[in-house]
Amino acid sequence: MADTNSTNKIDLIPASAFTFEELTEAYNHTRVDYMVPMPMNANKLREYVLNYDVDMDASAVAVDGNEVLGLGMLGVRPGRAWITRLGVIRSNRRRGTGNTMVNHLMQQAQQKGLDYIIIEVIKDNVPAHSLFSKKGFTPTRELLVLRRPPGPPQTDVPPADVEFLGYDEATELLARRRSVPSWVDETESLLNAGNLAAVRATLPDGSHGWLVYQNTVFQLGRLVIQTEAGNPQDVSRVLLHHLHKQHPAQDTKTENLPLDDPHWPSFKEMGYLEMFHRIEMIRYFNQ
């Protein structure tokens, strides 16, 4: 993705000029040999654009004549932007395509008067990290992508007052969170995705907290966990235990838990596995 010494004639066409089927084909071609492939279909891509407020006019497909070279998308929210789904077809790497697309996406964000732009790079993807470092992006934190296979919890927890809540209560809880979300688990992303529910727990010593999650037929996801009083590991252990006791048949995937999050040990205890790590990077425009 660190593209230099361009030999291509690169034209950038707004992503809005393509069908989702065409964009999906382009995206999948850029991910054939990627560290984490993450294949997509047209319905998933359409959902992705909606959930993450992707601006299709600001996003771009790089082409050379009739040949697609790469794809880059830009999420836009008040004051900020997010580069996502950036990829270059293998045969066209190191020819300036990635550099050209990043410049374009940054310019789009600046023209909208936004304060900063964010990117998440797969850990150990040295070319991508180098490219964004050269563009003035600074690493902010390491994020975990986690998965838990179906099954009830395998450990016991102390008695607690536990309550399962619906969508309205879940959105009210999200308004109270103090943790700093990434783009994929910002409140806007969760509300766009829908199907939210929550579990709230109070321990005998008065410790308490809550967990908001997306509940779909086959999978739980988008977990946001908050301890409001007490030891975060004690509270999160109870919350996760009761979540999986209530939903033992569903696979669980959650993205971008900070590596230093105090709840992380409880996730491990409850059977969550590390799929891969991301490095969040940020570039301010007015500093």
Foldseek 3Di string as FASTA:
>chain_A
DLAAAAPAPKDKQQQVVDQLQVVLVQLQLQQVPPPDSPRDHSVRVVLVCQLLQWDRRLWIFIARVPRTFWTWIWHDDAQEIEIDSTGGRPVRGNNCPSVVRVVSSVVVCVVVVHFKYKYKAFPPPVSVVVSVVVVVWDWDFKFFKKKFAFAAFPDDADDKDKDKFFDVVLLVQLVVADDDDDSCLRSSSDVSNDQKIKMKIADPVGWIWMWIWHDDDAEIESIDTHTPDDQLCNHLLVRVNVVSVVVRRHMYIYITDTPPPSNVVSCVSRGMDTPGMITMIMHTDPD
